[in-house]
């Protein structure tokens, strides 16, 4: 009886391993998710400022002076455009991800606009 139980557990573990092998993301997918690729867009300062006012000032302040979130008034002197884009896409600390709230092009526009804040 003990052999049957152990055989069943072994079979279940093998089946689980096979399922996970085909459903878990591969190294390439994980690497792509870890460093999102910023789309090429022409910066539209007016649109970027409107998007920031609609989505960011609650935490970062109306003049980007900071508040609940860090100050962004000089973020371009600390981070490059790719890092700013990645932070907006993925979120960081208490900041939520905006990947599902804004289009990639809008996020790229905001990142470019913020990168000029030096």
N, C-alpha and C. Protein backbone atom coordinates (compact mmCIF):
# COMPACT_ATOMS: atom_id res chain seq x y z
N UNK A 1 0.83 -1.19 0.00
CA UNK A 1 0.00 0.00 0.00
C UNK A 1 0.88 1.27 0.00
N UNK A 2 1.95 1.23 0.80
CA UNK A 2 2.86 2.37 0.91
C UNK A 2 3.50 2.67 -0.45
N UNK A 3 3.84 1.63 -1.22
CA UNK A 3 4.44 1.81 -2.54
C UNK A 3 3.46 2.50 -3.50
N UNK A 4 2.18 2.20 -3.40
CA UNK A 4 1.18 2.81 -4.26
C UNK A 4 1.04 4.30 -3.96
N UNK A 5 1.07 4.64 -2.70
CA UNK A 5 0.96 6.06 -2.31
C UNK A 5 2.18 6.82 -2.82
N UNK A 6 3.36 6.27 -2.62
CA UNK A 6 4.59 6.92 -3.07
C UNK A 6 4.62 7.03 -4.60
N UNK A 7 4.13 6.02 -5.29
CA UNK A 7 4.07 6.06 -6.75
C UNK A 7 3.10 7.16 -7.21
N UNK A 8 1.99 7.30 -6.51
CA UNK A 8 1.01 8.35 -6.85
C UNK A 8 1.59 9.74 -6.65
N UNK A 9 2.29 9.91 -5.53
CA UNK A 9 2.91 11.22 -5.25
C UNK A 9 3.98 11.51 -6.31
N UNK A 10 4.79 10.53 -6.65
CA UNK A 10 5.82 10.72 -7.67
C UNK A 10 5.20 11.07 -9.02
N UNK A 11 4.14 10.38 -9.42
CA UNK A 11 3.45 10.66 -10.67
C UNK A 11 2.87 12.08 -10.67
N UNK A 12 2.26 12.50 -9.57
CA UNK A 12 1.70 13.85 -9.47
C UNK A 12 2.79 14.91 -9.58
N UNK A 13 3.94 14.65 -8.94
CA UNK A 13 5.05 15.60 -9.00
C UNK A 13 5.59 15.71 -10.42
N UNK A 14 5.70 14.58 -11.12
CA UNK A 14 6.17 14.60 -12.51
C UNK A 14 5.19 15.35 -13.41
N UNK A 15 3.90 15.10 -13.21
CA UNK A 15 2.89 15.79 -14.02
C UNK A 15 2.95 17.30 -13.77
N UNK A 16 3.10 17.71 -12.52
CA UNK A 16 3.21 19.13 -12.19
C UNK A 16 4.46 19.74 -12.84
N UNK A 17 5.57 19.01 -12.79
CA UNK A 17 6.81 19.52 -13.40
C UNK A 17 6.64 19.73 -14.90
N UNK A 18 5.96 18.80 -15.56
CA UNK A 18 5.75 18.92 -17.01
C UNK A 18 4.85 20.12 -17.32
N UNK A 19 3.79 20.30 -16.54
CA UNK A 19 2.89 21.43 -16.74
C UNK A 19 3.65 22.74 -16.55
N UNK A 20 4.43 22.84 -15.49
CA UNK A 20 5.19 24.07 -15.23
C UNK A 20 6.23 24.34 -16.31
N UNK A 21 6.82 23.27 -16.83
CA UNK A 21 7.84 23.42 -17.86
C UNK A 21 7.28 24.11 -19.11
N UNK A 22 6.02 23.87 -19.41
CA UNK A 22 5.43 24.44 -20.61
C UNK A 22 4.67 25.74 -20.36
N UNK A 23 4.41 26.10 -19.11
CA UNK A 23 3.64 27.31 -18.84
C UNK A 23 4.45 28.45 -18.26
N UNK A 24 5.56 28.17 -17.61
CA UNK A 24 6.37 29.25 -17.05
C UNK A 24 7.10 30.00 -18.16
N UNK A 25 7.29 31.33 -17.99
CA UNK A 25 7.98 32.09 -19.04
C UNK A 25 9.44 31.69 -19.15
N UNK A 26 9.98 31.82 -20.36
CA UNK A 26 11.38 31.52 -20.60
C UNK A 26 12.28 32.68 -20.22
N UNK A 27 13.57 32.48 -20.32
CA UNK A 27 14.55 33.51 -19.96
C UNK A 27 14.36 34.77 -20.80
N UNK A 28 14.08 34.60 -22.09
CA UNK A 28 13.91 35.76 -22.97
C UNK A 28 12.70 36.59 -22.57
N UNK A 29 11.60 35.92 -22.24
CA UNK A 29 10.39 36.64 -21.83
C UNK A 29 10.61 37.39 -20.51
N UNK A 30 11.31 36.75 -19.59
CA UNK A 30 11.58 37.39 -18.31
C UNK A 30 12.50 38.59 -18.51
N UNK A 31 13.51 38.45 -19.35
CA UNK A 31 14.43 39.56 -19.61
C UNK A 31 13.70 40.72 -20.28
N UNK A 32 12.80 40.43 -21.22
CA UNK A 32 12.06 41.48 -21.90
C UNK A 32 11.13 42.21 -20.92
N UNK A 33 10.51 41.45 -20.03
CA UNK A 33 9.63 42.06 -19.04
C UNK A 33 10.42 42.89 -18.05
N UNK A 34 11.64 42.47 -17.72
CA UNK A 34 12.47 43.20 -16.77
C UNK A 34 12.92 44.55 -17.32
N UNK A 35 13.16 44.62 -18.63
CA UNK A 35 13.60 45.88 -19.24
C UNK A 35 12.72 46.17 -20.45
N UNK A 36 11.62 46.87 -20.23
CA UNK A 36 10.73 47.16 -21.36
C UNK A 36 11.40 48.07 -22.39
N UNK A 37 11.02 47.89 -23.64
CA UNK A 37 11.57 48.68 -24.73
C UNK A 37 10.67 49.88 -24.98
N UNK A 38 11.26 51.04 -24.94
CA UNK A 38 10.51 52.28 -25.14
C UNK A 38 10.25 52.51 -26.62
N UNK A 39 8.99 52.76 -27.00
CA UNK A 39 8.72 53.04 -28.41
C UNK A 39 9.25 54.41 -28.81
N UNK A 40 9.56 54.57 -30.08
CA UNK A 40 10.03 55.86 -30.58
C UNK A 40 8.84 56.75 -30.87
N UNK A 41 8.81 57.89 -30.23
CA UNK A 41 7.73 58.87 -30.45
C UNK A 41 8.34 60.26 -30.50
N UNK A 42 7.64 61.17 -31.12
CA UNK A 42 8.04 62.57 -31.10
C UNK A 42 7.42 63.18 -29.84
N UNK A 43 8.25 63.85 -29.06
CA UNK A 43 7.76 64.41 -27.81
C UNK A 43 6.75 65.52 -28.07
N UNK A 44 5.65 65.45 -27.36
CA UNK A 44 4.61 66.48 -27.37
C UNK A 44 4.50 66.99 -25.95
N UNK A 45 5.16 68.11 -25.66
CA UNK A 45 5.23 68.63 -24.29
C UNK A 45 3.85 68.94 -23.72
N UNK A 46 2.96 69.47 -24.53
CA UNK A 46 1.61 69.79 -24.05
C UNK A 46 0.85 68.56 -23.62
N UNK A 47 0.92 67.51 -24.44
CA UNK A 47 0.24 66.27 -24.09
C UNK A 47 0.88 65.64 -22.86
N UNK A 48 2.20 65.64 -22.79
CA UNK A 48 2.90 65.05 -21.64
C UNK A 48 2.52 65.77 -20.36
N UNK A 49 2.50 67.09 -20.40
CA UNK A 49 2.14 67.86 -19.21
C UNK A 49 0.70 67.58 -18.79
N UNK A 50 -0.21 67.46 -19.76
CA UNK A 50 -1.61 67.14 -19.45
C UNK A 50 -1.73 65.76 -18.82
N UNK A 51 -0.98 64.79 -19.36
CA UNK A 51 -1.01 63.44 -18.80
C UNK A 51 -0.44 63.40 -17.39
N UNK A 52 0.63 64.15 -17.17
CA UNK A 52 1.22 64.22 -15.82
C UNK A 52 0.23 64.84 -14.85
N UNK A 53 -0.43 65.93 -15.26
CA UNK A 53 -1.42 66.57 -14.39
C UNK A 53 -2.58 65.63 -14.09
N UNK A 54 -2.98 64.82 -15.05
CA UNK A 54 -4.11 63.91 -14.86
C UNK A 54 -3.74 62.67 -14.04
N UNK A 55 -2.46 62.28 -14.03
CA UNK A 55 -2.10 61.00 -13.43
C UNK A 55 -1.06 61.05 -12.32
N UNK A 56 -0.29 62.13 -12.23
CA UNK A 56 0.89 62.10 -11.36
C UNK A 56 0.90 63.11 -10.21
N UNK A 57 0.17 64.23 -10.36
CA UNK A 57 0.32 65.30 -9.38
C UNK A 57 -0.23 64.94 -8.00
N UNK A 58 -1.12 63.97 -7.92
CA UNK A 58 -1.63 63.56 -6.63
C UNK A 58 -0.51 63.13 -5.70
N UNK A 59 0.46 62.42 -6.23
CA UNK A 59 1.57 61.93 -5.42
C UNK A 59 2.85 62.77 -5.56
N UNK A 60 3.07 63.34 -6.75
CA UNK A 60 4.33 64.04 -7.01
C UNK A 60 4.22 65.56 -6.93
N UNK A 61 3.02 66.08 -6.65
CA UNK A 61 2.82 67.52 -6.49
C UNK A 61 2.53 68.22 -7.79
N UNK A 62 1.81 69.33 -7.69
CA UNK A 62 1.40 70.06 -8.90
C UNK A 62 2.57 70.72 -9.62
N UNK A 63 3.66 70.96 -8.92
CA UNK A 63 4.87 71.50 -9.54
C UNK A 63 5.99 70.46 -9.58
N UNK A 64 5.59 69.19 -9.39
CA UNK A 64 6.53 68.06 -9.34
C UNK A 64 7.53 68.20 -8.19
N UNK A 65 7.11 68.89 -7.15
CA UNK A 65 7.97 69.14 -6.01
C UNK A 65 8.03 67.97 -5.04
N UNK A 66 7.20 66.99 -5.25
CA UNK A 66 7.18 65.83 -4.35
C UNK A 66 6.04 65.95 -3.37
N UNK A 67 5.84 64.92 -2.64
CA UNK A 67 4.77 64.82 -1.65
C UNK A 67 4.77 63.40 -1.15
N UNK A 68 3.72 62.66 -1.50
CA UNK A 68 3.70 61.24 -1.17
C UNK A 68 4.80 60.53 -1.96
N UNK A 69 4.95 60.91 -3.22
CA UNK A 69 6.01 60.36 -4.07
C UNK A 69 7.19 61.33 -4.11
N UNK A 70 8.31 60.91 -4.68
CA UNK A 70 9.49 61.78 -4.73
C UNK A 70 9.29 62.96 -5.69
N UNK A 71 10.11 63.97 -5.50
CA UNK A 71 10.11 65.13 -6.39
C UNK A 71 10.60 64.71 -7.77
N UNK A 72 9.95 65.23 -8.80
CA UNK A 72 10.34 64.93 -10.18
C UNK A 72 10.82 66.17 -10.92
N UNK A 73 10.91 67.30 -10.22
CA UNK A 73 11.28 68.56 -10.86
C UNK A 73 12.65 68.49 -11.51
N UNK A 74 13.56 67.68 -10.98
CA UNK A 74 14.92 67.55 -11.53
C UNK A 74 15.25 66.10 -11.85
N UNK A 75 14.25 65.29 -12.14
CA UNK A 75 14.46 63.86 -12.34
C UNK A 75 15.38 63.57 -13.52
N UNK A 76 15.39 64.42 -14.53
CA UNK A 76 16.24 64.22 -15.71
C UNK A 76 17.72 64.27 -15.40
N UNK A 77 18.10 64.95 -14.32
CA UNK A 77 19.52 65.00 -13.94
C UNK A 77 19.93 63.74 -13.15
N UNK A 78 18.95 62.96 -12.70
CA UNK A 78 19.24 61.73 -11.93
C UNK A 78 19.09 60.47 -12.77
N UNK A 79 18.04 60.43 -13.61
CA UNK A 79 17.75 59.23 -14.38
C UNK A 79 17.65 59.56 -15.87
N UNK A 80 18.01 58.58 -16.71
CA UNK A 80 17.85 58.79 -18.15
C UNK A 80 16.43 58.42 -18.57
N UNK A 81 16.10 58.70 -19.80
CA UNK A 81 14.74 58.52 -20.30
C UNK A 81 14.31 57.05 -20.23
N UNK A 82 15.22 56.12 -20.48
CA UNK A 82 14.89 54.69 -20.43
C UNK A 82 14.52 54.26 -19.01
N UNK A 83 15.25 54.75 -18.03
CA UNK A 83 14.96 54.38 -16.63
C UNK A 83 13.63 54.99 -16.20
N UNK A 84 13.36 56.22 -16.59
CA UNK A 84 12.09 56.86 -16.25
C UNK A 84 10.95 56.08 -16.89
N UNK A 85 11.11 55.71 -18.16
CA UNK A 85 10.09 54.93 -18.86
C UNK A 85 9.84 53.60 -18.14
N UNK A 86 10.90 52.91 -17.79
CA UNK A 86 10.79 51.62 -17.11
C UNK A 86 10.07 51.76 -15.77
N UNK A 87 10.38 52.81 -15.03
CA UNK A 87 9.74 53.04 -13.73
C UNK A 87 8.24 53.28 -13.90
N UNK A 88 7.87 54.05 -14.90
CA UNK A 88 6.44 54.32 -15.12
C UNK A 88 5.72 53.04 -15.57
N UNK A 89 6.35 52.26 -16.42
CA UNK A 89 5.75 51.01 -16.91
C UNK A 89 5.59 50.00 -15.79
N UNK A 90 6.64 49.78 -15.01
CA UNK A 90 6.63 48.71 -14.00
C UNK A 90 6.17 49.17 -12.62
N UNK A 91 6.29 50.47 -12.33
CA UNK A 91 6.04 50.93 -10.98
C UNK A 91 7.30 50.72 -10.14
N UNK A 92 7.29 51.29 -8.94
CA UNK A 92 8.47 51.16 -8.08
C UNK A 92 8.07 51.54 -6.67
N UNK A 93 8.41 50.71 -5.71
CA UNK A 93 8.05 51.00 -4.33
C UNK A 93 6.54 51.13 -4.19
N UNK A 94 6.07 52.28 -3.72
CA UNK A 94 4.65 52.52 -3.58
C UNK A 94 3.98 53.00 -4.85
N UNK A 95 4.76 53.26 -5.89
CA UNK A 95 4.19 53.75 -7.15
C UNK A 95 3.61 52.59 -7.96
N UNK A 96 2.36 52.72 -8.39
CA UNK A 96 1.78 51.64 -9.20
C UNK A 96 2.31 51.66 -10.63
N UNK A 97 2.13 50.56 -11.31
CA UNK A 97 2.46 50.47 -12.73
C UNK A 97 1.38 51.21 -13.53
N UNK A 98 1.80 51.93 -14.55
CA UNK A 98 0.85 52.62 -15.42
C UNK A 98 0.73 51.90 -16.77
N UNK A 99 1.27 50.69 -16.85
CA UNK A 99 1.26 49.92 -18.09
C UNK A 99 -0.15 49.68 -18.61
N UNK A 100 -1.09 49.46 -17.73
CA UNK A 100 -2.46 49.18 -18.14
C UNK A 100 -3.35 50.42 -18.10
N UNK A 101 -2.81 51.55 -17.65
CA UNK A 101 -3.60 52.78 -17.54
C UNK A 101 -3.33 53.75 -18.69
N UNK A 102 -2.11 53.72 -19.22
CA UNK A 102 -1.72 54.62 -20.31
C UNK A 102 -1.13 53.80 -21.45
N UNK A 103 -1.20 54.34 -22.65
CA UNK A 103 -0.59 53.69 -23.81
C UNK A 103 0.93 53.81 -23.71
N UNK A 104 1.63 52.87 -24.31
CA UNK A 104 3.10 52.90 -24.30
C UNK A 104 3.64 54.20 -24.87
N UNK A 105 2.99 54.71 -25.93
CA UNK A 105 3.43 55.97 -26.54
C UNK A 105 3.24 57.15 -25.59
N UNK A 106 2.16 57.13 -24.81
CA UNK A 106 1.92 58.20 -23.82
C UNK A 106 2.97 58.14 -22.72
N UNK A 107 3.29 56.94 -22.28
CA UNK A 107 4.32 56.78 -21.24
C UNK A 107 5.67 57.22 -21.77
N UNK A 108 5.99 56.88 -23.02
CA UNK A 108 7.26 57.31 -23.62
C UNK A 108 7.31 58.84 -23.70
N UNK A 109 6.20 59.45 -24.06
CA UNK A 109 6.13 60.91 -24.14
C UNK A 109 6.38 61.54 -22.77
N UNK A 110 5.75 61.00 -21.75
CA UNK A 110 5.95 61.50 -20.38
C UNK A 110 7.40 61.32 -19.97
N UNK A 111 7.98 60.15 -20.26
CA UNK A 111 9.37 59.89 -19.88
C UNK A 111 10.32 60.87 -20.56
N UNK A 112 10.09 61.15 -21.83
CA UNK A 112 10.93 62.11 -22.55
C UNK A 112 10.78 63.50 -21.96
N UNK A 113 9.55 63.88 -21.61
CA UNK A 113 9.29 65.20 -21.03
C UNK A 113 9.97 65.32 -19.67
N UNK A 114 9.84 64.26 -18.84
CA UNK A 114 10.47 64.29 -17.52
C UNK A 114 11.99 64.26 -17.62
N UNK A 115 12.54 63.56 -18.61
CA UNK A 115 13.99 63.48 -18.77
C UNK A 115 14.61 64.85 -19.06
N UNK A 116 13.80 65.77 -19.58
CA UNK A 116 14.31 67.13 -19.84
C UNK A 116 14.30 67.99 -18.59
N UNK A 117 13.70 67.52 -17.51
CA UNK A 117 13.65 68.26 -16.24
C UNK A 117 14.98 68.09 -15.53
N UNK A 118 15.85 69.11 -15.66
CA UNK A 118 17.19 69.01 -15.06
C UNK A 118 17.48 70.19 -14.18
